[in-house]
């Protein structure tokens, strides 16, 4: 018996659901795709339990849930899980969790005794809730991909950031050099440097204990009288970045630019960045920056939207076309 393959679409149309973690980004993705965001009701009971009800059937549909898991982390994560389970119970044909920023990405290994690998737990929970696929952007560690048993698209926004620098900032730079904020980011930093055809320098940083703040020590490479582009995947409290700026300035750097994907900016992160002697920050909207934080960064920050990138990947995933082709891979 020969198997006969018919060109039948397995799934119905695309249905987009937006979590409350990143409403502006979800709206831009919907606009890119020319589709509405599907309605649902979400109620938070007095005991903080969340309740979700879909406004229409998703039976047989290809559903994408867009929810970033930045602050408030646990509420956003639970909302994502409950939404996925609601869709599963309503017989969606396929559910993709679109998580621009995936929480707990730093808890990716047992680097000391008696600690969890929470990134693995989060992956398990997304699968247990009923997701068939996932999409995320620039996870802190590449091995997070291995924590999922379901297929996924792990994307990077680096080409968007590099494109902006090459188009808008490069012409005013003097002998620019890329600086990786620590050795853990060295490989990705080297990719940035290669894409922009610039040399690279590294900051060697030693973390002390479990404190969020680390200690920056030495600079490997030359930044004297050069413009510096400091690159990282996410900025949380801004401590490491502030130390990196100090280090390159003390080694004679001229203008300093900060380039990172996820603007988490916890605690006083935005104030700290705003007070640094830097020329420009280039980041994305993978996590929303609230107005009270944005005011510290006015005039210094460019936020590039990842909506066209995610929108195009959603379209290709739905149509069963290659995502790698978008990046000439």
C-alpha atoms as a PDB file:
ATOM      1  CA  UNK A   1       0.000   0.000   0.000  1.00  0.00           C
ATOM      2  CA  UNK A   2       1.346   3.397  -0.943  1.00  0.00           C
ATOM      3  CA  UNK A   3       0.567   6.329   1.333  1.00  0.00           C
ATOM      4  CA  UNK A   4      -1.175   9.077  -0.602  1.00  0.00           C
ATOM      5  CA  UNK A   5      -0.579  12.612   0.660  1.00  0.00           C
ATOM      6  CA  UNK A   6      -3.311  15.095  -0.151  1.00  0.00           C
ATOM      7  CA  UNK A   7      -2.641  18.812   0.137  1.00  0.00           C
ATOM      8  CA  UNK A   8      -5.244  19.320   2.809  1.00  0.00           C
ATOM      9  CA  UNK A   9      -4.927  22.047   5.410  1.00  0.00           C
ATOM     10  CA  UNK A  10      -4.973  20.303   8.749  1.00  0.00           C
ATOM     11  CA  UNK A  11      -5.871  23.435  10.683  1.00  0.00           C
ATOM     12  CA  UNK A  12      -8.553  26.051  10.274  1.00  0.00           C
ATOM     13  CA  UNK A  13      -7.745  29.762  10.277  1.00  0.00           C
ATOM     14  CA  UNK A  14      -5.333  31.639  12.543  1.00  0.00           C
ATOM     15  CA  UNK A  15      -6.865  32.748  15.832  1.00  0.00           C
ATOM     16  CA  UNK A  16      -4.870  35.233  17.921  1.00  0.00           C
ATOM     17  CA  UNK A  17      -5.312  35.592  21.664  1.00  0.00           C
ATOM     18  CA  UNK A  18      -3.558  38.360  23.588  1.00  0.00           C
ATOM     19  CA  UNK A  19      -2.540  37.948  27.212  1.00  0.00           C
ATOM     20  CA  UNK A  20      -2.477  41.018  29.432  1.00  0.00           C
ATOM     21  CA  UNK A  21       1.358  40.951  29.619  1.00  0.00           C
ATOM     22  CA  UNK A  22       2.002  42.777  26.347  1.00  0.00           C
ATOM     23  CA  UNK A  23      -1.185  44.293  24.867  1.00  0.00           C
ATOM     24  CA  UNK A  24       0.562  46.831  22.596  1.00  0.00           C
ATOM     25  CA  UNK A  25       2.822  44.177  21.070  1.00  0.00           C
ATOM     26  CA  UNK A  26      -0.147  41.831  20.524  1.00  0.00           C
ATOM     27  CA  UNK A  27      -2.077  44.636  18.780  1.00  0.00           C
ATOM     28  CA  UNK A  28       0.888  45.289  16.456  1.00  0.00           C
ATOM     29  CA  UNK A  29       1.208  41.578  15.592  1.00  0.00           C
ATOM     30  CA  UNK A  30      -2.537  41.440  14.826  1.00  0.00           C
ATOM     31  CA  UNK A  31      -2.188  44.553  12.657  1.00  0.00           C
ATOM     32  CA  UNK A  32       0.765  43.008  10.775  1.00  0.00           C
ATOM     33  CA  UNK A  33      -1.285  39.885  10.050  1.00  0.00           C
ATOM     34  CA  UNK A  34      -4.444  41.866   9.267  1.00  0.00           C
ATOM     35  CA  UNK A  35      -6.389  39.784  11.788  1.00  0.00           C
ATOM     36  CA  UNK A  36      -8.481  40.643  14.845  1.00  0.00           C
ATOM     37  CA  UNK A  37      -7.549  39.599  18.366  1.00  0.00           C
ATOM     38  CA  UNK A  38     -10.078  36.989  19.489  1.00  0.00           C
ATOM     39  CA  UNK A  39     -12.243  37.939  22.433  1.00  0.00           C
ATOM     40  CA  UNK A  40     -12.101  36.361  25.872  1.00  0.00           C
ATOM     41  CA  UNK A  41     -13.131  37.404  29.322  1.00  0.00           C
ATOM     42  CA  UNK A  42     -10.719  37.293  32.224  1.00  0.00           C
ATOM     43  CA  UNK A  43     -11.916  37.702  35.773  1.00  0.00           C
ATOM     44  CA  UNK A  44      -9.712  37.872  38.832  1.00  0.00           C
ATOM     45  CA  UNK A  45     -11.674  36.670  41.846  1.00  0.00           C
ATOM     46  CA  UNK A  46     -11.169  38.284  45.274  1.00  0.00           C
ATOM     47  CA  UNK A  47      -8.941  35.306  46.208  1.00  0.00           C
ATOM     48  CA  UNK A  48      -6.597  36.198  43.267  1.00  0.00           C
ATOM     49  CA  UNK A  49      -7.684  33.137  41.247  1.00  0.00           C
ATOM     50  CA  UNK A  50      -7.974  33.829  37.515  1.00  0.00           C
ATOM     51  CA  UNK A  51     -10.932  32.693  35.416  1.00  0.00           C
ATOM     52  CA  UNK A  52     -10.928  32.776  31.608  1.00  0.00           C
ATOM     53  CA  UNK A  53     -13.824  32.292  29.209  1.00  0.00           C
ATOM     54  CA  UNK A  54     -13.531  32.400  25.406  1.00  0.00           C
ATOM     55  CA  UNK A  55     -16.087  34.542  23.588  1.00  0.00           C
ATOM     56  CA  UNK A  56     -16.229  32.168  20.625  1.00  0.00           C
ATOM     57  CA  UNK A  57     -15.343  28.615  19.611  1.00  0.00           C
ATOM     58  CA  UNK A  58     -11.792  27.711  18.553  1.00  0.00           C
ATOM     59  CA  UNK A  59     -12.620  24.121  17.568  1.00  0.00           C
ATOM     60  CA  UNK A  60     -10.322  22.993  14.766  1.00  0.00           C
ATOM     61  CA  UNK A  61      -8.477  26.339  14.622  1.00  0.00           C
ATOM     62  CA  UNK A  62      -4.744  27.200  14.579  1.00  0.00           C
ATOM     63  CA  UNK A  63      -4.412  29.265  17.758  1.00  0.00           C
ATOM     64  CA  UNK A  64      -1.578  31.565  18.867  1.00  0.00           C
ATOM     65  CA  UNK A  65      -1.468  32.900  22.443  1.00  0.00           C
ATOM     66  CA  UNK A  66       0.741  35.987  22.723  1.00  0.00           C
ATOM     67  CA  UNK A  67       1.890  36.536  26.285  1.00  0.00           C
ATOM     68  CA  UNK A  68       5.194  37.854  27.579  1.00  0.00           C
ATOM     69  CA  UNK A  69       6.177  36.703  31.074  1.00  0.00           C
ATOM     70  CA  UNK A  70       7.870  39.806  32.437  1.00  0.00           C
ATOM     71  CA  UNK A  71       6.489  41.601  35.517  1.00  0.00           C
ATOM     72  CA  UNK A  72       4.089  40.619  37.112  1.00  0.00           C
ATOM     73  CA  UNK A  73       5.808  37.305  36.339  1.00  0.00           C
ATOM     74  CA  UNK A  74       3.645  34.787  38.179  1.00  0.00           C
ATOM     75  CA  UNK A  75       0.354  36.335  37.174  1.00  0.00           C
ATOM     76  CA  UNK A  76       1.438  36.511  33.527  1.00  0.00           C
ATOM     77  CA  UNK A  77       2.693  32.923  33.605  1.00  0.00           C
ATOM     78  CA  UNK A  78      -0.500  31.567  35.206  1.00  0.00           C
ATOM     79  CA  UNK A  79      -2.627  33.552  32.760  1.00  0.00           C
ATOM     80  CA  UNK A  80      -0.679  31.966  29.871  1.00  0.00           C
ATOM     81  CA  UNK A  81      -1.124  28.441  31.289  1.00  0.00           C
ATOM     82  CA  UNK A  82      -4.847  28.869  32.026  1.00  0.00           C
ATOM     83  CA  UNK A  83      -5.463  30.361  28.564  1.00  0.00           C
ATOM     84  CA  UNK A  84      -3.678  27.429  26.876  1.00  0.00           C
ATOM     85  CA  UNK A  85      -5.691  24.912  28.894  1.00  0.00           C
ATOM     86  CA  UNK A  86      -8.952  26.718  28.079  1.00  0.00           C
ATOM     87  CA  UNK A  87      -8.121  26.512  24.365  1.00  0.00           C
ATOM     88  CA  UNK A  88      -7.155  22.843  24.658  1.00  0.00           C
ATOM     89  CA  UNK A  89     -10.478  22.007  26.332  1.00  0.00           C
ATOM     90  CA  UNK A  90     -12.316  23.840  23.551  1.00  0.00           C
ATOM     91  CA  UNK A  91     -10.701  21.503  20.977  1.00  0.00           C
ATOM     92  CA  UNK A  92      -8.307  23.913  19.253  1.00  0.00           C
ATOM     93  CA  UNK A  93      -6.488  21.975  16.497  1.00  0.00           C
ATOM     94  CA  UNK A  94      -3.086  23.419  17.375  1.00  0.00           C
ATOM     95  CA  UNK A  95      -1.967  25.804  20.115  1.00  0.00           C
ATOM     96  CA  UNK A  96       1.246  27.812  19.919  1.00  0.00           C
ATOM     97  CA  UNK A  97       2.494  29.712  22.976  1.00  0.00           C
ATOM     98  CA  UNK A  98       4.103  32.907  21.669  1.00  0.00           C
ATOM     99  CA  UNK A  99       6.245  34.068  24.603  1.00  0.00           C
ATOM    100  CA  UNK A 100       8.490  36.960  23.505  1.00  0.00           C
ATOM    101  CA  UNK A 101      10.268  36.988  26.883  1.00  0.00           C
ATOM    102  CA  UNK A 102      10.349  33.680  28.741  1.00  0.00           C
ATOM    103  CA  UNK A 103      10.648  34.023  32.534  1.00  0.00           C
ATOM    104  CA  UNK A 104      13.098  32.012  34.670  1.00  0.00           C
ATOM    105  CA  UNK A 105      15.534  31.816  31.765  1.00  0.00           C
ATOM    106  CA  UNK A 106      18.489  32.319  34.105  1.00  0.00           C
ATOM    107  CA  UNK A 107      17.593  29.299  36.237  1.00  0.00           C
ATOM    108  CA  UNK A 108      18.845  26.919  33.552  1.00  0.00           C
ATOM    109  CA  UNK A 109      21.286  24.622  35.370  1.00  0.00           C
ATOM    110  CA  UNK A 110      22.311  23.337  38.792  1.00  0.00           C
ATOM    111  CA  UNK A 111      25.367  25.502  39.322  1.00  0.00           C
ATOM    112  CA  UNK A 112      25.389  24.831  43.076  1.00  0.00           C
ATOM    113  CA  UNK A 113      23.951  22.141  45.353  1.00  0.00           C
ATOM    114  CA  UNK A 114      20.256  22.076  46.375  1.00  0.00           C
ATOM    115  CA  UNK A 115      18.891  24.454  43.706  1.00  0.00           C
ATOM    116  CA  UNK A 116      16.108  24.026  41.081  1.00  0.00           C
ATOM    117  CA  UNK A 117      16.235  24.218  37.286  1.00  0.00           C
ATOM    118  CA  UNK A 118      13.143  26.404  37.050  1.00  0.00           C
ATOM    119  CA  UNK A 119      13.432  27.072  33.297  1.00  0.00           C
ATOM    120  CA  UNK A 120      12.820  23.335  32.770  1.00  0.00           C
ATOM    121  CA  UNK A 121       9.799  23.466  35.091  1.00  0.00           C
ATOM    122  CA  UNK A 122       8.302  26.378  33.128  1.00  0.00           C
ATOM    123  CA  UNK A 123       8.755  24.449  29.863  1.00  0.00           C
ATOM    124  CA  UNK A 124       7.055  21.402  31.415  1.00  0.00           C
ATOM    125  CA  UNK A 125       4.141  23.538  32.624  1.00  0.00           C
ATOM    126  CA  UNK A 126       3.580  25.071  29.172  1.00  0.00           C
ATOM    127  CA  UNK A 127       3.482  21.568  27.685  1.00  0.00           C
ATOM    128  CA  UNK A 128       1.260  20.182  30.458  1.00  0.00           C
ATOM    129  CA  UNK A 129      -1.212  23.046  29.910  1.00  0.00           C
ATOM    130  CA  UNK A 130      -1.645  21.819  26.337  1.00  0.00           C
ATOM    131  CA  UNK A 131       0.651  23.806  24.039  1.00  0.00           C
ATOM    132  CA  UNK A 132       1.639  22.003  20.820  1.00  0.00           C
ATOM    133  CA  UNK A 133       4.351  24.470  19.875  1.00  0.00           C
ATOM    134  CA  UNK A 134       6.121  27.517  21.292  1.00  0.00           C
ATOM    135  CA  UNK A 135       7.901  30.627  20.053  1.00  0.00           C
ATOM    136  CA  UNK A 136      10.308  32.731  22.041  1.00  0.00           C
ATOM    137  CA  UNK A 137      13.019  35.307  21.516  1.00  0.00           C
ATOM    138  CA  UNK A 138      16.645  35.362  22.659  1.00  0.00           C
ATOM    139  CA  UNK A 139      16.480  33.083  25.706  1.00  0.00           C
ATOM    140  CA  UNK A 140      19.235  33.703  28.249  1.00  0.00           C
ATOM    141  CA  UNK A 141      20.668  30.226  27.601  1.00  0.00           C
ATOM    142  CA  UNK A 142      20.442  28.188  24.424  1.00  0.00           C
ATOM    143  CA  UNK A 143      19.806  24.936  26.294  1.00  0.00           C
ATOM    144  CA  UNK A 144      16.314  26.163  27.223  1.00  0.00           C
ATOM    145  CA  UNK A 145      15.343  24.769  23.797  1.00  0.00           C
ATOM    146  CA  UNK A 146      16.210  21.299  25.068  1.00  0.00           C
ATOM    147  CA  UNK A 147      13.815  21.634  28.019  1.00  0.00           C
ATOM    148  CA  UNK A 148      10.830  21.512  25.631  1.00  0.00           C
ATOM    149  CA  UNK A 149       9.749  18.238  23.999  1.00  0.00           C
ATOM    150  CA  UNK A 150       7.379  20.114  21.678  1.00  0.00           C
ATOM    151  CA  UNK A 151       8.716  21.844  18.543  1.00  0.00           C
ATOM    152  CA  UNK A 152       9.447  25.546  18.756  1.00  0.00           C
ATOM    153  CA  UNK A 153      10.825  28.572  16.963  1.00  0.00           C
ATOM    154  CA  UNK A 154      13.607  30.145  19.010  1.00  0.00           C
ATOM    155  CA  UNK A 155      14.197  33.472  17.322  1.00  0.00           C
ATOM    156  CA  UNK A 156      16.673  36.275  17.757  1.00  0.00           C
ATOM    157  CA  UNK A 157      16.132  40.015  17.461  1.00  0.00           C
ATOM    158  CA  UNK A 158      19.848  40.665  16.941  1.00  0.00           C
ATOM    159  CA  UNK A 159      19.434  41.321  13.199  1.00  0.00           C
ATOM    160  CA  UNK A 160      16.820  44.027  13.977  1.00  0.00           C
ATOM    161  CA  UNK A 161      19.197  45.721  16.428  1.00  0.00           C
ATOM    162  CA  UNK A 162      22.183  45.373  14.080  1.00  0.00           C
ATOM    163  CA  UNK A 163      20.119  46.750  11.185  1.00  0.00           C
ATOM    164  CA  UNK A 164      19.183  49.824  13.222  1.00  0.00           C
ATOM    165  CA  UNK A 165      22.807  50.485  14.202  1.00  0.00           C
ATOM    166  CA  UNK A 166      24.090  50.063  10.639  1.00  0.00           C
ATOM    167  CA  UNK A 167      21.347  52.279   9.219  1.00  0.00           C
ATOM    168  CA  UNK A 168      21.084  55.068  11.770  1.00  0.00           C
ATOM    169  CA  UNK A 169      24.050  55.196  14.142  1.00  0.00           C
ATOM    170  CA  UNK A 170      27.087  53.770  12.372  1.00  0.00           C
ATOM    171  CA  UNK A 171      27.915  56.807  10.253  1.00  0.00           C
ATOM    172  CA  UNK A 172      28.558  58.944  13.364  1.00  0.00           C
ATOM    173  CA  UNK A 173      30.722  56.364  15.153  1.00  0.00           C
ATOM    174  CA  UNK A 174      34.496  56.496  15.497  1.00  0.00           C
ATOM    175  CA  UNK A 175      36.354  53.141  15.208  1.00  0.00           C
ATOM    176  CA  UNK A 176      33.425  51.282  16.817  1.00  0.00           C
ATOM    177  CA  UNK A 177      34.039  48.163  18.906  1.00  0.00           C
ATOM    178  CA  UNK A 178      31.482  45.690  20.312  1.00  0.00           C
ATOM    179  CA  UNK A 179      31.866  44.881  24.010  1.00  0.00           C
ATOM    180  CA  UNK A 180      30.287  41.740  25.475  1.00  0.00           C
ATOM    181  CA  UNK A 181      29.059  42.468  28.984  1.00  0.00           C
ATOM    182  CA  UNK A 182      30.454  39.160  30.274  1.00  0.00           C
ATOM    183  CA  UNK A 183      32.184  36.012  28.999  1.00  0.00           C
ATOM    184  CA  UNK A 184      28.900  34.075  29.107  1.00  0.00           C
ATOM    185  CA  UNK A 185      27.601  36.331  26.340  1.00  0.00           C
ATOM    186  CA  UNK A 186      30.882  36.182  24.376  1.00  0.00           C
ATOM    187  CA  UNK A 187      29.633  33.859  21.632  1.00  0.00           C
ATOM    188  CA  UNK A 188      26.509  35.922  20.920  1.00  0.00           C
ATOM    189  CA  UNK A 189      28.585  39.090  21.241  1.00  0.00           C
ATOM    190  CA  UNK A 190      30.921  37.752  18.577  1.00  0.00           C
ATOM    191  CA  UNK A 191      27.896  37.258  16.275  1.00  0.00           C
ATOM    192  CA  UNK A 192      26.961  40.934  16.742  1.00  0.00           C
ATOM    193  CA  UNK A 193      30.553  41.955  15.966  1.00  0.00           C
ATOM    194  CA  UNK A 194      30.663  39.721  12.872  1.00  0.00           C
ATOM    195  CA  UNK A 195      27.310  41.042  11.590  1.00  0.00           C
ATOM    196  CA  UNK A 196      28.556  44.623  11.910  1.00  0.00           C
ATOM    197  CA  UNK A 197      32.123  43.832  10.832  1.00  0.00           C
ATOM    198  CA  UNK A 198      33.595  45.303  14.031  1.00  0.00           C
ATOM    199  CA  UNK A 199      36.221  44.050  16.473  1.00  0.00           C
ATOM    200  CA  UNK A 200      35.108  42.735  19.865  1.00  0.00           C
ATOM    201  CA  UNK A 201      36.246  43.177  23.461  1.00  0.00           C
ATOM    202  CA  UNK A 202      35.038  41.340  26.579  1.00  0.00           C
ATOM    203  CA  UNK A 203      34.432  42.219  30.179  1.00  0.00           C
ATOM    204  CA  UNK A 204      35.410  39.469  32.581  1.00  0.00           C
ATOM    205  CA  UNK A 205      32.983  39.413  35.472  1.00  0.00           C
ATOM    206  CA  UNK A 206      32.950  37.221  38.532  1.00  0.00           C
ATOM    207  CA  UNK A 207      29.667  36.619  40.269  1.00  0.00           C
ATOM    208  CA  UNK A 208      29.830  36.461  44.044  1.00  0.00           C
ATOM    209  CA  UNK A 209      27.250  34.364  45.933  1.00  0.00           C
ATOM    210  CA  UNK A 210      23.549  34.479  45.033  1.00  0.00           C
ATOM    211  CA  UNK A 211      23.226  38.244  44.977  1.00  0.00           C
ATOM    212  CA  UNK A 212      21.693  39.611  41.793  1.00  0.00           C
ATOM    213  CA  UNK A 213      24.583  42.033  41.509  1.00  0.00           C
ATOM    214  CA  UNK A 214      27.882  40.753  40.181  1.00  0.00           C
ATOM    215  CA  UNK A 215      31.367  42.182  40.240  1.00  0.00           C
ATOM    216  CA  UNK A 216      32.955  43.343  36.996  1.00  0.00           C
ATOM    217  CA  UNK A 217      36.696  43.086  36.903  1.00  0.00           C
ATOM    218  CA  UNK A 218      38.801  43.347  33.773  1.00  0.00           C
ATOM    219  CA  UNK A 219      38.510  44.350  30.122  1.00  0.00           C
ATOM    220  CA  UNK A 220      39.957  42.044  27.479  1.00  0.00           C
ATOM    221  CA  UNK A 221      40.536  44.063  24.298  1.00  0.00           C
ATOM    222  CA  UNK A 222      41.061  47.685  23.294  1.00  0.00           C
ATOM    223  CA  UNK A 223      38.468  50.480  23.550  1.00  0.00           C
ATOM    224  CA  UNK A 224      40.773  53.509  23.888  1.00  0.00           C
ATOM    225  CA  UNK A 225      39.414  56.522  21.985  1.00  0.00           C
ATOM    226  CA  UNK A 226      36.792  54.354  20.281  1.00  0.00           C
ATOM    227  CA  UNK A 227      33.003  54.295  20.336  1.00  0.00           C
ATOM    228  CA  UNK A 228      31.722  51.274  22.225  1.00  0.00           C
ATOM    229  CA  UNK A 229      28.565  49.191  21.656  1.00  0.00           C
ATOM    230  CA  UNK A 230      27.852  47.169  24.806  1.00  0.00           C
ATOM    231  CA  UNK A 231      25.662  44.142  23.966  1.00  0.00           C
ATOM    232  CA  UNK A 232      23.624  41.840  26.225  1.00  0.00           C
ATOM    233  CA  UNK A 233      20.463  39.729  26.000  1.00  0.00           C
ATOM    234  CA  UNK A 234      18.486  41.293  28.857  1.00  0.00           C
ATOM    235  CA  UNK A 235      18.912  44.140  31.319  1.00  0.00           C
ATOM    236  CA  UNK A 236      17.295  43.595  34.684  1.00  0.00           C
ATOM    237  CA  UNK A 237      18.448  45.923  37.472  1.00  0.00           C
ATOM    238  CA  UNK A 238      21.130  47.457  35.231  1.00  0.00           C
ATOM    239  CA  UNK A 239      23.951  46.613  37.660  1.00  0.00           C
ATOM    240  CA  UNK A 240      26.133  44.684  35.202  1.00  0.00           C
ATOM    241  CA  UNK A 241      25.572  47.255  32.464  1.00  0.00           C
ATOM    242  CA  UNK A 242      26.466  50.129  34.823  1.00  0.00           C
ATOM    243  CA  UNK A 243      29.699  48.348  35.752  1.00  0.00           C
ATOM    244  CA  UNK A 244      30.439  47.668  32.087  1.00  0.00           C
ATOM    245  CA  UNK A 245      29.997  51.364  31.266  1.00  0.00           C
ATOM    246  CA  UNK A 246      32.381  52.270  34.131  1.00  0.00           C
ATOM    247  CA  UNK A 247      34.967  49.777  32.918  1.00  0.00           C
ATOM    248  CA  UNK A 248      34.976  50.920  29.264  1.00  0.00           C
ATOM    249  CA  UNK A 249      34.945  54.604  30.276  1.00  0.00           C
ATOM    250  CA  UNK A 250      37.899  54.032  32.617  1.00  0.00           C
ATOM    251  CA  UNK A 251      39.725  52.445  29.658  1.00  0.00           C
ATOM    252  CA  UNK A 252      39.244  55.576  27.555  1.00  0.00           C
ATOM    253  CA  UNK A 253      36.105  54.789  25.534  1.00  0.00           C
ATOM    254  CA  UNK A 254      34.444  57.681  23.697  1.00  0.00           C
ATOM    255  CA  UNK A 255      30.655  57.376  23.216  1.00  0.00           C
ATOM    256  CA  UNK A 256      28.909  54.349  24.703  1.00  0.00           C
ATOM    257  CA  UNK A 257      25.825  52.703  23.170  1.00  0.00           C
ATOM    258  CA  UNK A 258      23.781  50.000  24.941  1.00  0.00           C
ATOM    259  CA  UNK A 259      22.134  47.292  22.849  1.00  0.00           C
ATOM    260  CA  UNK A 260      19.985  44.548  24.381  1.00  0.00           C
ATOM    261  CA  UNK A 261      16.833  42.584  23.511  1.00  0.00           C
ATOM    262  CA  UNK A 262      14.784  42.399  26.706  1.00  0.00           C
ATOM    263  CA  UNK A 263      14.274  45.615  28.687  1.00  0.00           C
ATOM    264  CA  UNK A 264      13.165  44.070  31.991  1.00  0.00           C
ATOM    265  CA  UNK A 265      14.345  47.058  34.078  1.00  0.00           C
ATOM    266  CA  UNK A 266      13.328  45.802  37.527  1.00  0.00           C
ATOM    267  CA  UNK A 267      13.605  47.887  40.695  1.00  0.00           C
ATOM    268  CA  UNK A 268      15.538  51.066  39.817  1.00  0.00           C
ATOM    269  CA  UNK A 269      16.906  49.687  36.541  1.00  0.00           C
ATOM    270  CA  UNK A 270      15.436  52.446  34.362  1.00  0.00           C
ATOM    271  CA  UNK A 271      16.702  55.214  36.677  1.00  0.00           C
ATOM    272  CA  UNK A 272      20.133  53.614  36.747  1.00  0.00           C
ATOM    273  CA  UNK A 273      20.345  53.439  32.939  1.00  0.00           C
ATOM    274  CA  UNK A 274      19.010  56.971  32.629  1.00  0.00           C
ATOM    275  CA  UNK A 275      21.812  58.318  34.818  1.00  0.00           C
ATOM    276  CA  UNK A 276      24.642  56.574  32.934  1.00  0.00           C
ATOM    277  CA  UNK A 277      27.018  58.579  30.672  1.00  0.00           C
ATOM    278  CA  UNK A 278      25.736  56.912  27.496  1.00  0.00           C
ATOM    279  CA  UNK A 279      24.785  58.157  24.053  1.00  0.00           C
ATOM    280  CA  UNK A 280      21.897  55.843  23.140  1.00  0.00           C
ATOM    281  CA  UNK A 281      20.017  52.668  24.156  1.00  0.00           C
ATOM    282  CA  UNK A 282      18.621  50.356  21.462  1.00  0.00           C
ATOM    283  CA  UNK A 283      16.204  47.641  22.611  1.00  0.00           C
ATOM    284  CA  UNK A 284      12.929  45.891  21.655  1.00  0.00           C
ATOM    285  CA  UNK A 285       9.334  45.754  22.875  1.00  0.00           C
ATOM    286  CA  UNK A 286       9.545  42.068  23.975  1.00  0.00           C
ATOM    287  CA  UNK A 287       8.641  43.324  27.463  1.00  0.00           C
ATOM    288  CA  UNK A 288       6.634  46.550  27.806  1.00  0.00           C
ATOM    289  CA  UNK A 289       8.363  49.508  29.470  1.00  0.00           C
ATOM    290  CA  UNK A 290       5.757  51.330  31.589  1.00  0.00           C
ATOM    291  CA  UNK A 291       5.556  55.158  31.302  1.00  0.00           C
ATOM    292  CA  UNK A 292       6.917  55.722  34.826  1.00  0.00           C
ATOM    293  CA  UNK A 293      10.123  53.889  33.792  1.00  0.00           C
ATOM    294  CA  UNK A 294      10.215  55.326  30.287  1.00  0.00           C
ATOM    295  CA  UNK A 295      10.390  58.885  31.645  1.00  0.00           C
ATOM    296  CA  UNK A 296      13.918  58.197  32.968  1.00  0.00           C
ATOM    297  CA  UNK A 297      15.058  57.176  29.474  1.00  0.00           C
ATOM    298  CA  UNK A 298      13.387  59.827  27.282  1.00  0.00           C
ATOM    299  CA  UNK A 299      15.624  61.012  24.457  1.00  0.00           C
ATOM    300  CA  UNK A 300      18.125  58.225  25.107  1.00  0.00           C
ATOM    301  CA  UNK A 301      16.172  55.156  24.009  1.00  0.00           C
ATOM    302  CA  UNK A 302      15.006  53.618  20.724  1.00  0.00           C
ATOM    303  CA  UNK A 303      12.538  50.723  21.020  1.00  0.00           C
ATOM    304  CA  UNK A 304      12.359  48.536  17.909  1.00  0.00           C
ATOM    305  CA  UNK A 305       9.200  46.456  17.535  1.00  0.00           C
ATOM    306  CA  UNK A 306       9.518  42.693  17.158  1.00  0.00           C
ATOM    307  CA  UNK A 307       5.879  42.538  15.924  1.00  0.00           C
ATOM    308  CA  UNK A 308       6.723  42.157  12.194  1.00  0.00           C
ATOM    309  CA  UNK A 309       9.210  39.373  13.054  1.00  0.00           C
ATOM    310  CA  UNK A 310       6.724  37.436  15.216  1.00  0.00           C
ATOM    311  CA  UNK A 311       3.868  38.154  12.805  1.00  0.00           C
ATOM    312  CA  UNK A 312       5.825  36.753   9.864  1.00  0.00           C
ATOM    313  CA  UNK A 313       6.870  33.649  11.825  1.00  0.00           C
ATOM    314  CA  UNK A 314       3.225  33.048  12.854  1.00  0.00           C
ATOM    315  CA  UNK A 315       2.168  33.347   9.199  1.00  0.00           C
ATOM    316  CA  UNK A 316       4.887  30.922   8.031  1.00  0.00           C
ATOM    317  CA  UNK A 317       4.150  28.452  10.828  1.00  0.00           C
ATOM    318  CA  UNK A 318       0.480  28.490   9.861  1.00  0.00           C
ATOM    319  CA  UNK A 319       1.221  27.980   6.164  1.00  0.00           C
ATOM    320  CA  UNK A 320       3.847  25.308   6.844  1.00  0.00           C
ATOM    321  CA  UNK A 321       6.675  27.343   5.266  1.00  0.00           C
ATOM    322  CA  UNK A 322      10.321  27.631   6.330  1.00  0.00           C
ATOM    323  CA  UNK A 323      11.182  30.168   9.010  1.00  0.00           C
ATOM    324  CA  UNK A 324      14.917  29.746   8.372  1.00  0.00           C
ATOM    325  CA  UNK A 325      14.501  31.269   4.897  1.00  0.00           C
ATOM    326  CA  UNK A 326      13.719  34.612   6.569  1.00  0.00           C
ATOM    327  CA  UNK A 327      17.309  34.634   7.852  1.00  0.00           C
ATOM    328  CA  UNK A 328      18.860  33.022   4.743  1.00  0.00           C
ATOM    329  CA  UNK A 329      19.357  29.798   6.684  1.00  0.00           C
END
